[in-house]
Amino acid sequence: MTETSPPENPNSGHLQQTPLEQLHRRRGARMVAFAGFQLPLNFDGIISEHTSTRTSAGLFDVSHMGIVEILPLKGHDLQTAAESLEKITPISVTDLPRTQLRYGVLTNDEGGVVDDLIVSRSDAHLRLVLNAARTEDDLDYIRDTTSGFAEIVVRSDLAQLALQGPKSSEVLSGFSTEIADLKFMQWQEFQVNGISCDISRSGYTGEDGFELIVPAESVEGIAEQLLEDDRVVPCGIGARDSLRLEAGLCLYGHELTTSTTPIEAGLAWTIQQRRRRDATFAGAQTILDQLSSGPPRKRVGISALTKRPIRDGAELQSTELDSVGIVTSGGFGPSCDRPVAMGYVDTEFADAGTSLVADVRGKQVPCEVTSLPFIPHRYQRH
């Protein structure tokens, strides 16, 4: 999962800082406001950071994400807490193995997406990683359903790094050769220079990579050590966004909203068979109806047939200029070397190769529906 979009005005009110604020400034980052935080947009340049991540390894500060733990109250167990969480998510939480991560969504009663998230579990708690801009709303929603069963703890004492790219495994093997044995969406606790870190083989760039959840007080030292490796470059949210767009991955507030269902978004794979059978999660009727009968619209890739980028918000039209959809994310794909976008179109226009027109500020830009992802995923699944 990710959370990136055009930056906000950096002077718009009080902004939170991550524990890596000073490191970013020492390394010459261009800082911007995003989701209530001051974050690096880029260091060297978005395209160079994007390319380095695709070819070597990029280090991203994702400490703005909300890290939340669900602990069972006295008299209850973790299984009861997991069952209560399943009321608001189609993810199968009760059978989640201890070493696995699971990506999915929180849903509302209409089947819309409240947020996307990552869930993991230890012997003592469930851990959720939430989008920063949605964390407070998510917490209220989670507390409502787990009240009486569990305590919700926000882990502001933790920070998070993402090391992404084909060289990331080699780099982290310098700390422990066993890190390279992790498979995609597996996690384990490791000691990094005597510091306990939860490391998972995961990320939101489409590349092989890892995410490290570490004590906030120790994250700067770990980041500095990683950046001493010539294979690693510091990266900002600009490259994080272009990488996830090429990888065809959803962004909350763009591809995912409270009025978008996971089936429309192409996330049916996140709903395990057990949850489809028991159908006890919020919005189950709408979501399961769309699973069986098909959704009214679908998320698709959009390729411009000219060099003009197609940005989010652009209306998508048929060749007869009837409105059939909207672009939700768009920009230049450095690895594709062309403009790429994602959006929603009426199902009858969702087949790859379908010709469309995008209305870009009153100009008609020819484009076509494209299969996702634009760049093949390189996750290490075996």
Protein backbone atom coordinates (compact mmCIF):
# COMPACT_ATOMS: atom_id res chain seq x y z
CA MET A 1 0.00 0.00 0.00
CA THR A 2 1.04 3.56 -0.50
CA GLU A 3 -0.07 7.08 0.14
CA THR A 4 1.22 9.62 -2.31
CA SER A 5 -0.42 12.36 -4.35
CA PRO A 6 0.31 15.92 -5.47
CA PRO A 7 1.85 17.77 -2.49
CA GLU A 8 -0.05 20.26 -0.42
CA ASN A 9 0.99 23.83 0.33
CA PRO A 10 3.97 23.44 2.73
CA ASN A 11 2.85 26.54 4.61
CA SER A 12 -0.69 25.26 5.27
CA GLY A 13 -0.86 25.02 9.06
CA HIS A 14 1.05 22.85 11.51
CA LEU A 15 2.84 19.89 9.99
CA GLN A 16 4.12 16.81 11.74
CA GLN A 17 7.67 15.64 11.16
CA THR A 18 8.99 12.11 10.86
CA PRO A 19 12.07 11.07 12.87
CA LEU A 20 14.10 11.39 9.65
CA GLU A 21 13.34 15.10 9.11
CA GLN A 22 16.91 16.23 9.83
CA LEU A 23 18.45 13.46 7.73
CA HIS A 24 16.31 14.54 4.77
CA ARG A 25 17.38 18.14 5.11
CA ARG A 26 21.07 17.25 5.44
CA ARG A 27 20.78 15.36 2.17
CA GLY A 28 19.19 18.28 0.36
CA ALA A 29 15.62 17.01 0.07
CA ARG A 30 12.94 19.21 -1.41
CA MET A 31 10.40 19.08 1.39
CA VAL A 32 6.64 19.32 0.84
CA ALA A 33 3.50 18.98 2.93
CA PHE A 34 1.57 15.77 2.53
CA ALA A 35 -1.15 14.16 4.69
CA GLY A 36 -0.30 16.52 7.54
CA PHE A 37 3.42 15.68 7.44
CA GLN A 38 6.53 17.36 6.09
CA LEU A 39 7.99 14.79 3.66
CA PRO A 40 10.68 14.74 0.96
CA LEU A 41 9.30 15.09 -2.55
CA ASN A 42 12.69 14.26 -4.03
CA PHE A 43 16.43 14.48 -3.41
CA ASP A 44 18.29 14.18 -6.73
CA GLY A 45 15.22 14.13 -8.95
CA ILE A 46 12.07 12.05 -9.32
CA ILE A 47 13.13 10.31 -12.53
CA SER A 48 16.63 9.41 -11.27
CA GLU A 49 15.21 8.10 -7.97
CA HIS A 50 12.55 6.12 -9.84
CA THR A 51 15.18 4.60 -12.14
CA SER A 52 17.54 3.78 -9.26
CA THR A 53 14.76 1.89 -7.51
CA ARG A 54 14.01 -0.11 -10.64
CA THR A 55 17.70 -0.98 -11.20
CA SER A 56 19.33 -0.99 -7.75
CA ALA A 57 17.75 0.06 -4.43
CA GLY A 58 15.82 3.09 -3.20
CA LEU A 59 15.25 4.01 0.45
CA PHE A 60 11.91 5.65 1.31
CA ASP A 61 10.77 7.20 4.58
CA VAL A 62 7.23 5.91 5.19
CA SER A 63 7.10 6.83 8.86
CA HIS A 64 4.03 8.98 8.26
CA MET A 65 1.92 5.83 7.93
CA GLY A 66 -0.18 4.94 10.96
CA ILE A 67 1.08 1.89 12.88
CA VAL A 68 -1.71 0.60 15.11
CA GLU A 69 -1.88 -2.47 17.33
CA ILE A 70 -5.01 -4.28 18.54
CA LEU A 71 -4.57 -6.02 21.90
CA PRO A 72 -7.25 -8.21 23.50
CA LEU A 73 -8.74 -6.92 26.73
CA LYS A 74 -8.60 -9.02 29.89
CA GLY A 75 -10.99 -11.94 29.59
CA HIS A 76 -10.71 -12.05 25.81
CA ASP A 77 -8.16 -13.52 23.45
CA LEU A 78 -6.56 -12.43 20.18
CA GLN A 79 -8.93 -14.63 18.20
CA THR A 80 -11.92 -12.68 19.54
CA ALA A 81 -10.22 -9.41 18.57
CA ALA A 82 -9.58 -10.81 15.09
CA GLU A 83 -13.23 -11.87 14.75
CA SER A 84 -14.40 -8.38 15.70
CA LEU A 85 -12.08 -6.81 13.10
CA GLU A 86 -13.52 -9.12 10.44
CA LYS A 87 -16.85 -7.31 10.82
CA ILE A 88 -15.40 -4.36 8.88
CA THR A 89 -12.99 -6.05 6.49
CA PRO A 90 -13.27 -8.87 3.93
CA ILE A 91 -9.73 -9.97 4.88
CA SER A 92 -9.51 -13.33 6.63
CA VAL A 93 -7.81 -12.30 9.87
CA THR A 94 -8.58 -15.18 12.24
CA ASP A 95 -6.47 -17.66 10.25
CA LEU A 96 -3.62 -15.28 9.41
CA PRO A 97 -0.32 -17.13 10.08
CA ARG A 98 2.08 -15.41 12.44
CA THR A 99 4.76 -14.85 9.78
CA GLN A 100 2.43 -13.54 7.06
CA LEU A 101 1.24 -10.08 6.05
CA ARG A 102 -2.13 -9.61 4.40
CA TYR A 103 -3.16 -6.66 2.22
CA GLY A 104 -6.80 -5.67 2.08
CA VAL A 105 -9.40 -3.00 2.76
CA LEU A 106 -11.79 -1.79 5.41
CA THR A 107 -15.33 -1.52 4.02
CA ASN A 108 -18.48 0.39 4.93
CA ASP A 109 -22.08 -0.84 4.87
CA GLU A 110 -22.46 0.21 1.22
CA GLY A 111 -19.42 -1.83 0.17
CA GLY A 112 -17.20 1.24 -0.26
CA VAL A 113 -13.56 1.30 0.79
CA VAL A 114 -12.85 3.13 4.05
CA ASP A 115 -9.09 2.56 3.68
CA ASP A 116 -6.59 0.02 2.42
CA LEU A 117 -4.19 -1.49 4.92
CA ILE A 118 -1.71 -4.19 5.81
CA VAL A 119 -2.50 -6.63 8.64
CA SER A 120 -0.05 -8.86 10.50
CA ARG A 121 -0.22 -10.69 13.81
CA SER A 122 2.13 -11.70 16.58
CA ASP A 123 1.40 -13.86 19.61
CA ALA A 124 0.19 -10.81 21.52
CA HIS A 125 -1.48 -8.46 19.04
CA LEU A 126 -2.70 -7.63 15.56
CA ARG A 127 -0.78 -4.88 13.78
CA LEU A 128 -2.33 -2.63 11.14
CA VAL A 129 -0.48 -0.20 8.90
CA LEU A 130 -2.88 2.55 7.79
CA ASN A 131 -2.71 5.56 5.48
CA ALA A 132 -1.73 8.69 7.38
CA ALA A 133 -4.60 10.84 6.12
CA ARG A 134 -7.11 8.15 7.11
CA THR A 135 -5.67 7.01 10.44
CA GLU A 136 -7.97 9.01 12.75
CA ASP A 137 -11.12 8.02 10.83
CA ASP A 138 -9.93 4.41 10.72
CA LEU A 139 -9.30 4.39 14.47
CA ASP A 140 -12.83 5.57 15.21
CA TYR A 141 -14.23 2.91 12.91
CA ILE A 142 -12.08 0.14 14.37
CA ARG A 143 -12.85 1.15 17.96
CA ASP A 144 -16.57 1.00 17.24
CA THR A 145 -16.36 -2.63 16.15
CA THR A 146 -13.75 -3.87 18.66
CA SER A 147 -15.17 -2.05 21.70
CA GLY A 148 -15.36 -4.38 24.68
CA PHE A 149 -12.99 -6.89 23.09
CA ALA A 150 -9.76 -5.06 22.45
CA GLU A 151 -7.57 -2.06 23.18
CA ILE A 152 -6.27 0.05 20.29
CA VAL A 153 -2.71 1.37 20.66
CA VAL A 154 -1.14 3.85 18.23
CA ARG A 155 2.60 3.10 18.04
CA SER A 156 4.00 6.59 17.64
CA ASP A 157 7.26 5.23 19.08
CA LEU A 158 7.87 3.28 15.86
CA ALA A 159 9.10 4.43 12.44
CA GLN A 160 9.03 2.74 9.06
CA LEU A 161 11.46 2.48 6.16
CA ALA A 162 10.95 0.92 2.73
CA LEU A 163 14.01 -0.41 0.90
CA GLN A 164 12.88 -1.26 -2.62
CA GLY A 165 14.57 -2.59 -5.72
CA PRO A 166 16.47 -5.60 -7.11
CA LYS A 167 19.55 -4.96 -4.96
CA SER A 168 17.61 -4.55 -1.70
CA SER A 169 18.01 -8.19 -0.69
CA GLU A 170 21.79 -8.04 -1.14
CA VAL A 171 21.97 -4.83 0.87
CA LEU A 172 19.99 -6.17 3.84
CA SER A 173 21.93 -9.44 3.78
CA GLY A 174 24.79 -7.37 5.16
CA PHE A 175 22.83 -7.23 8.42
CA SER A 176 21.63 -10.86 8.36
CA THR A 177 21.80 -13.41 5.57
CA GLU A 178 18.49 -14.83 6.81
CA ILE A 179 16.62 -11.70 5.70
CA ALA A 180 17.04 -12.84 2.09
CA ASP A 181 15.13 -16.05 2.94
CA LEU A 182 11.89 -14.12 3.49
CA LYS A 183 9.27 -14.64 0.78
CA PHE A 184 6.88 -11.97 -0.48
CA MET A 185 4.45 -10.89 2.27
CA GLN A 186 6.38 -12.68 5.02
CA TRP A 187 7.83 -10.94 8.08
CA GLN A 188 10.15 -11.79 10.92
CA GLU A 189 11.93 -10.03 13.76
CA PHE A 190 15.65 -9.44 13.16
CA GLN A 191 18.45 -7.77 15.05
CA VAL A 192 20.03 -4.92 13.10
CA ASN A 193 23.11 -3.67 14.93
CA GLY A 194 21.58 -4.90 18.15
CA ILE A 195 18.24 -3.16 17.46
CA SER A 196 15.08 -5.25 17.20
CA CYS A 197 13.37 -4.63 13.83
CA ASP A 198 10.31 -6.20 12.22
CA ILE A 199 11.31 -6.75 8.59
CA SER A 200 8.89 -7.87 5.88
CA ARG A 201 9.42 -8.64 2.22
CA SER A 202 6.84 -6.21 0.92
CA GLY A 203 6.38 -2.77 -0.58
CA TYR A 204 4.35 -0.72 -3.00
CA THR A 205 6.64 -0.18 -5.99
CA GLY A 206 6.17 -3.45 -7.87
CA GLU A 207 9.82 -4.30 -7.21
CA ASP A 208 11.30 -6.84 -4.84
CA GLY A 209 11.81 -5.02 -1.58
CA PHE A 210 11.47 -4.83 2.17
CA GLU A 211 9.80 -2.70 4.81
CA LEU A 212 11.40 -2.19 8.21
CA ILE A 213 9.46 -1.19 11.31
CA VAL A 214 11.99 0.05 13.85
CA PRO A 215 12.13 2.10 17.06
CA ALA A 216 11.78 5.77 16.12
CA GLU A 217 14.80 6.66 18.24
CA SER A 218 17.00 4.28 16.19
CA VAL A 219 15.68 4.83 12.68
CA GLU A 220 18.09 7.62 11.71
CA GLY A 221 21.14 5.49 12.46
CA ILE A 222 19.75 2.56 10.47
CA ALA A 223 18.83 4.80 7.54
CA GLU A 224 22.29 6.40 7.52
CA GLN A 225 23.94 2.99 7.49
CA LEU A 226 21.78 1.84 4.58
CA LEU A 227 22.61 5.01 2.66
CA GLU A 228 26.34 4.41 3.12
CA ASP A 229 25.91 1.52 0.68
CA ASP A 230 26.59 2.71 -2.87
CA ARG A 231 23.69 0.61 -4.14
CA VAL A 232 21.14 2.63 -2.12
CA VAL A 233 19.78 6.08 -2.98
CA PRO A 234 17.41 8.22 -0.88
CA CYS A 235 14.00 8.63 -2.54
CA GLY A 236 10.99 10.86 -1.97
CA ILE A 237 7.25 10.56 -2.44
CA GLY A 238 7.49 11.69 -6.07
CA ALA A 239 9.27 8.49 -7.15
CA ARG A 240 7.09 6.44 -4.80
CA ASP A 241 4.04 7.66 -6.71
CA SER A 242 5.44 7.10 -10.21
CA LEU A 243 6.62 3.60 -9.23
CA ARG A 244 3.23 2.54 -7.83
CA LEU A 245 1.44 4.02 -10.89
CA GLU A 246 3.56 1.97 -13.29
CA ALA A 247 2.94 -1.05 -11.06
CA GLY A 248 -0.83 -0.48 -11.34
CA LEU A 249 -1.33 -0.19 -7.57
CA CYS A 250 -4.22 1.68 -5.95
CA LEU A 251 -3.91 4.95 -4.05
CA TYR A 252 -6.47 5.88 -1.42
CA GLY A 253 -8.37 9.02 -2.35
CA HIS A 254 -7.80 8.28 -6.03
CA GLU A 255 -8.49 4.65 -7.02
CA LEU A 256 -10.01 3.87 -3.62
CA THR A 257 -12.77 5.88 -1.94
CA THR A 258 -15.80 5.30 0.26
CA SER A 259 -17.91 5.11 -2.91
CA THR A 260 -15.62 2.61 -4.69
CA THR A 261 -15.99 -1.11 -4.04
CA PRO A 262 -13.03 -3.51 -3.93
CA ILE A 263 -14.54 -5.39 -6.88
CA GLU A 264 -14.63 -2.27 -9.05
CA ALA A 265 -11.03 -1.62 -7.99
CA GLY A 266 -9.88 -5.08 -9.11
CA LEU A 267 -9.20 -6.21 -5.54
CA ALA A 268 -11.42 -9.31 -5.49
CA TRP A 269 -8.25 -11.33 -4.85
CA THR A 270 -8.02 -9.81 -1.36
CA ILE A 271 -11.24 -11.53 -0.29
CA GLN A 272 -10.49 -15.09 0.81
CA GLN A 273 -12.96 -17.90 0.05
CA ARG A 274 -13.93 -18.32 3.71
CA ARG A 275 -15.04 -14.68 3.86
CA ARG A 276 -17.05 -15.06 0.66
CA ARG A 277 -18.89 -17.97 2.24
CA ASP A 278 -19.61 -16.44 5.64
CA ALA A 279 -20.42 -12.94 4.23
CA THR A 280 -20.40 -11.24 7.64
CA PHE A 281 -18.32 -8.17 6.77
CA ALA A 282 -19.63 -4.64 6.16
CA GLY A 283 -21.02 -4.21 2.65
CA ALA A 284 -20.95 -7.96 1.97
CA GLN A 285 -24.19 -8.03 -0.03
CA THR A 286 -23.06 -5.37 -2.50
CA ILE A 287 -19.56 -6.80 -2.79
CA LEU A 288 -20.67 -10.42 -3.26
CA ASP A 289 -23.35 -9.39 -5.76
CA GLN A 290 -20.64 -7.67 -7.81
CA LEU A 291 -18.42 -10.74 -7.50
CA SER A 292 -21.12 -12.95 -9.01
CA SER A 293 -22.72 -10.56 -11.52
CA GLY A 294 -19.87 -8.18 -12.27
CA PRO A 295 -19.40 -4.52 -11.26
CA PRO A 296 -20.89 -1.59 -13.21
CA ARG A 297 -17.41 -0.15 -13.79
CA LYS A 298 -13.82 -1.35 -13.60
CA ARG A 299 -10.39 0.06 -12.82
CA VAL A 300 -8.19 -0.05 -15.92
CA GLY A 301 -4.90 1.20 -17.26
CA ILE A 302 -4.98 4.09 -19.71
CA SER A 303 -2.24 4.72 -22.26
CA ALA A 304 -2.10 8.09 -24.00
CA LEU A 305 -1.52 7.83 -27.74
CA THR A 306 0.29 11.18 -27.75
CA LYS A 307 3.00 12.63 -25.50
CA ARG A 308 0.46 14.67 -23.51
CA PRO A 309 0.05 13.30 -19.94
CA ILE A 310 -3.48 12.55 -18.78
CA ARG A 311 -3.93 13.65 -15.17
CA ASP A 312 -6.43 12.58 -12.54
CA GLY A 313 -9.84 14.15 -12.92
CA ALA A 314 -9.85 13.98 -16.72
CA GLU A 315 -13.12 12.68 -18.16
CA LEU A 316 -12.88 9.56 -20.32
CA GLN A 317 -15.14 9.44 -23.36
CA SER A 318 -16.03 6.92 -26.00
CA THR A 319 -14.99 7.61 -29.58
CA GLU A 320 -18.50 9.04 -29.97
CA LEU A 321 -17.58 11.44 -27.11
CA ASP A 322 -20.06 9.98 -24.61
CA SER A 323 -18.82 10.07 -21.01
CA VAL A 324 -17.76 6.55 -19.92
CA GLY A 325 -15.39 7.11 -17.03
CA ILE A 326 -12.76 9.19 -15.25
CA VAL A 327 -9.00 9.16 -14.70
CA THR A 328 -7.98 8.71 -11.06
CA SER A 329 -4.15 8.81 -11.35
CA GLY A 330 -1.94 9.89 -14.20
CA GLY A 331 1.52 11.11 -15.08
CA PHE A 332 4.73 10.25 -16.89
CA GLY A 333 6.03 6.69 -16.47
CA PRO A 334 9.84 6.91 -16.48
CA SER A 335 10.32 3.16 -17.02
CA CYS A 336 7.60 3.10 -19.69
CA ASP A 337 9.01 6.30 -21.21
CA ARG A 338 5.48 7.54 -21.92
CA PRO A 339 2.43 8.96 -20.17
CA VAL A 340 0.41 6.39 -18.21
CA ALA A 341 -2.76 6.61 -16.15
CA MET A 342 -5.37 4.61 -14.29
CA GLY A 343 -9.07 5.22 -14.04
CA TYR A 344 -12.56 3.78 -13.99
CA VAL A 345 -14.66 3.06 -17.07
CA ASP A 346 -18.07 1.51 -17.61
CA THR A 347 -17.59 -2.27 -17.82
CA GLU A 348 -18.47 -2.45 -21.51
CA PHE A 349 -15.46 -0.22 -22.27
CA ALA A 350 -12.98 -2.04 -19.99
CA ASP A 351 -11.40 -4.49 -22.46
CA ALA A 352 -7.74 -3.89 -23.27
CA GLY A 353 -7.35 -2.16 -26.62
CA THR A 354 -10.62 -0.21 -26.39
CA SER A 355 -10.16 3.23 -27.95
CA LEU A 356 -11.15 6.20 -25.79
CA VAL A 357 -10.72 9.96 -25.67
CA ALA A 358 -9.59 11.88 -22.58
CA ASP A 359 -10.79 15.43 -22.05
CA VAL A 360 -7.65 17.19 -20.85
CA ARG A 361 -8.50 20.83 -20.13
CA GLY A 362 -10.83 20.97 -23.09
CA LYS A 363 -8.46 19.16 -25.45
CA GLN A 364 -9.34 15.71 -26.74
CA VAL A 365 -6.42 13.33 -26.19
CA PRO A 366 -6.70 9.92 -27.87
CA CYS A 367 -5.94 7.00 -25.57
CA GLU A 368 -6.71 3.33 -25.11
CA VAL A 369 -7.45 0.88 -22.32
CA THR A 370 -4.36 -1.07 -21.29
CA SER A 371 -3.88 -4.13 -19.11
CA LEU A 372 -2.31 -3.52 -15.70
CA PRO A 373 0.42 -3.36 -14.57
CA PHE A 374 2.38 -1.22 -16.99
CA ILE A 375 5.65 -2.67 -15.62
CA PRO A 376 5.61 -6.35 -14.54
CA HIS A 377 5.83 -7.00 -10.80
CA ARG A 378 9.09 -8.52 -9.61
CA TYR A 379 8.03 -9.84 -6.20
CA GLN A 380 9.99 -12.81 -4.82
CA ARG A 381 7.20 -15.31 -4.22
CA HIS A 382 9.26 -18.52 -4.15
